[in-house]
C-alpha cells in the first residue's frame, strides 16, 4: 500500500503571541527587512525629490510635446508624474521629521 504525500502533510499552526495585535498597523516595520525606517524615509525623499527636479527640468518642453502627442495626454501624464513624485517626497519627508522628533524627545528624556 502506498501513501500519497498529500496524506502525510499536517497543518501546523503557530501559537499566538501574548499581547499581539489583531490588526497590523500600517506603519509597522518589518524586523526581517534589511532597511530601517530611517533609510526607507531617506530613499523615498531622495527619489521623490529627484523626480520633482526632473519634472521641473522638462516643464518648458510640455507645449511642444502637447503639440506632438496631444494636449490631454501630455498634461495628464505630467499631472500624474507630479502627483506620484510629490506624494513620495512628502511621505519620506514626513517620516524623516517624525523620526527626528522622536529621537530628540528620547534624547531629552535621557539627559534628566
Protein backbone atom coordinates (compact mmCIF):
# COMPACT_ATOMS: atom_id res chain seq x y z
CA UNK A 1 0.00 0.00 0.00
CA UNK A 2 1.39 3.42 -0.99
CA UNK A 3 0.77 6.67 0.85
CA UNK A 4 0.41 9.89 -1.09
CA UNK A 5 2.35 12.96 0.01
CA UNK A 6 -0.88 14.88 0.41
CA UNK A 7 -1.99 12.47 3.16
CA UNK A 8 1.29 12.96 5.06
CA UNK A 9 1.02 16.74 5.24
CA UNK A 10 -0.10 18.12 8.53
CA UNK A 11 -1.34 21.59 9.23
CA UNK A 12 0.92 23.41 11.64
CA UNK A 13 -0.38 26.42 13.46
CA UNK A 14 1.78 28.94 15.22
CA UNK A 15 0.82 29.79 18.77
CA UNK A 16 -0.47 33.31 19.24
CA UNK A 17 1.97 35.63 20.94
CA UNK A 18 0.97 37.15 24.23
CA UNK A 19 -0.25 40.72 23.79
CA UNK A 20 -0.24 40.55 20.00
CA UNK A 21 -2.39 42.90 17.94
CA UNK A 22 -5.30 41.57 15.94
CA UNK A 23 -4.84 44.16 13.20
CA UNK A 24 -1.40 45.04 11.87
CA UNK A 25 -0.52 48.72 11.91
CA UNK A 26 0.10 50.26 8.50
CA UNK A 27 3.41 51.73 9.62
CA UNK A 28 4.74 48.57 11.28
CA UNK A 29 8.37 47.98 10.46
CA UNK A 30 9.29 44.51 9.30
CA UNK A 31 12.15 43.33 11.56
CA UNK A 32 13.30 40.90 8.84
CA UNK A 33 13.73 43.78 6.38
CA UNK A 34 17.23 44.91 5.56
CA UNK A 35 16.24 48.59 5.58
CA UNK A 36 15.49 50.60 8.67
CA UNK A 37 12.63 53.11 8.73
CA UNK A 38 15.18 55.93 8.57
CA UNK A 39 16.82 54.59 5.43
CA UNK A 40 13.42 53.97 3.78
CA UNK A 41 12.45 57.58 4.53
CA UNK A 42 15.74 58.96 3.17
CA UNK A 43 15.44 56.88 -0.02
CA UNK A 44 11.81 57.93 -0.57
CA UNK A 45 12.64 61.59 -0.02
CA UNK A 46 15.63 61.50 -2.37
CA UNK A 47 13.78 59.63 -5.13
CA UNK A 48 10.74 61.90 -4.84
CA UNK A 49 12.93 65.00 -4.96
CA UNK A 50 14.78 63.65 -7.98
CA UNK A 51 11.50 63.02 -9.80
CA UNK A 52 10.30 66.53 -8.96
CA UNK A 53 13.55 68.05 -10.23
CA UNK A 54 13.25 66.03 -13.45
CA UNK A 55 9.69 67.31 -13.94
CA UNK A 56 10.73 70.93 -13.44
CA UNK A 57 13.66 70.44 -15.82
CA UNK A 58 11.35 69.48 -18.70
CA UNK A 59 8.47 71.85 -17.96
CA UNK A 60 9.48 74.07 -20.90
CA UNK A 61 9.09 71.15 -23.32
CA UNK A 62 5.47 70.43 -22.37
CA UNK A 63 3.99 72.73 -25.03
CA UNK A 64 5.99 71.02 -27.79
CA UNK A 65 5.02 67.57 -26.52
CA UNK A 66 1.38 68.68 -26.31
CA UNK A 67 1.51 69.70 -30.00
CA UNK A 68 3.13 66.39 -30.98
CA UNK A 69 1.25 63.89 -28.81
CA UNK A 70 -1.96 65.62 -27.73
CA UNK A 71 -2.74 68.14 -25.04
CA UNK A 72 -4.80 65.91 -22.76
CA UNK A 73 -2.33 63.03 -22.83
CA UNK A 74 0.73 65.17 -22.09
CA UNK A 75 -0.80 67.26 -19.31
CA UNK A 76 -2.49 64.24 -17.73
CA UNK A 77 0.82 62.36 -17.72
CA UNK A 78 2.58 65.41 -16.27
CA UNK A 79 -0.07 65.73 -13.55
CA UNK A 80 0.27 62.03 -12.71
CA UNK A 81 4.08 62.31 -12.61
CA UNK A 82 3.92 65.33 -10.29
CA UNK A 83 1.32 63.69 -8.06
CA UNK A 84 3.30 60.49 -7.58
CA UNK A 85 6.65 62.22 -7.11
CA UNK A 86 5.18 64.80 -4.73
CA UNK A 87 3.46 62.15 -2.65
CA UNK A 88 6.65 60.07 -2.48
CA UNK A 89 8.67 63.10 -1.44
CA UNK A 90 6.21 64.17 1.26
CA UNK A 91 5.80 60.62 2.60
CA UNK A 92 9.56 60.36 3.07
CA UNK A 93 9.84 63.88 4.48
CA UNK A 94 7.02 63.23 6.97
CA UNK A 95 8.69 60.00 8.11
CA UNK A 96 12.04 61.78 8.49
CA UNK A 97 10.51 64.58 10.54
CA UNK A 98 8.64 62.11 12.74
CA UNK A 99 11.77 60.03 13.30
CA UNK A 100 13.86 63.10 14.13
CA UNK A 101 11.23 64.38 16.56
CA UNK A 102 11.01 61.06 18.39
CA UNK A 103 14.81 60.82 18.62
CA UNK A 104 15.01 64.37 20.02
CA UNK A 105 12.35 63.64 22.63
CA UNK A 106 14.07 60.35 23.55
CA UNK A 107 17.41 62.12 23.96
CA UNK A 108 15.91 64.86 26.12
CA UNK A 109 14.41 62.32 28.48
CA UNK A 110 17.75 60.51 28.87
CA UNK A 111 19.59 63.66 29.94
CA UNK A 112 17.44 64.31 33.01
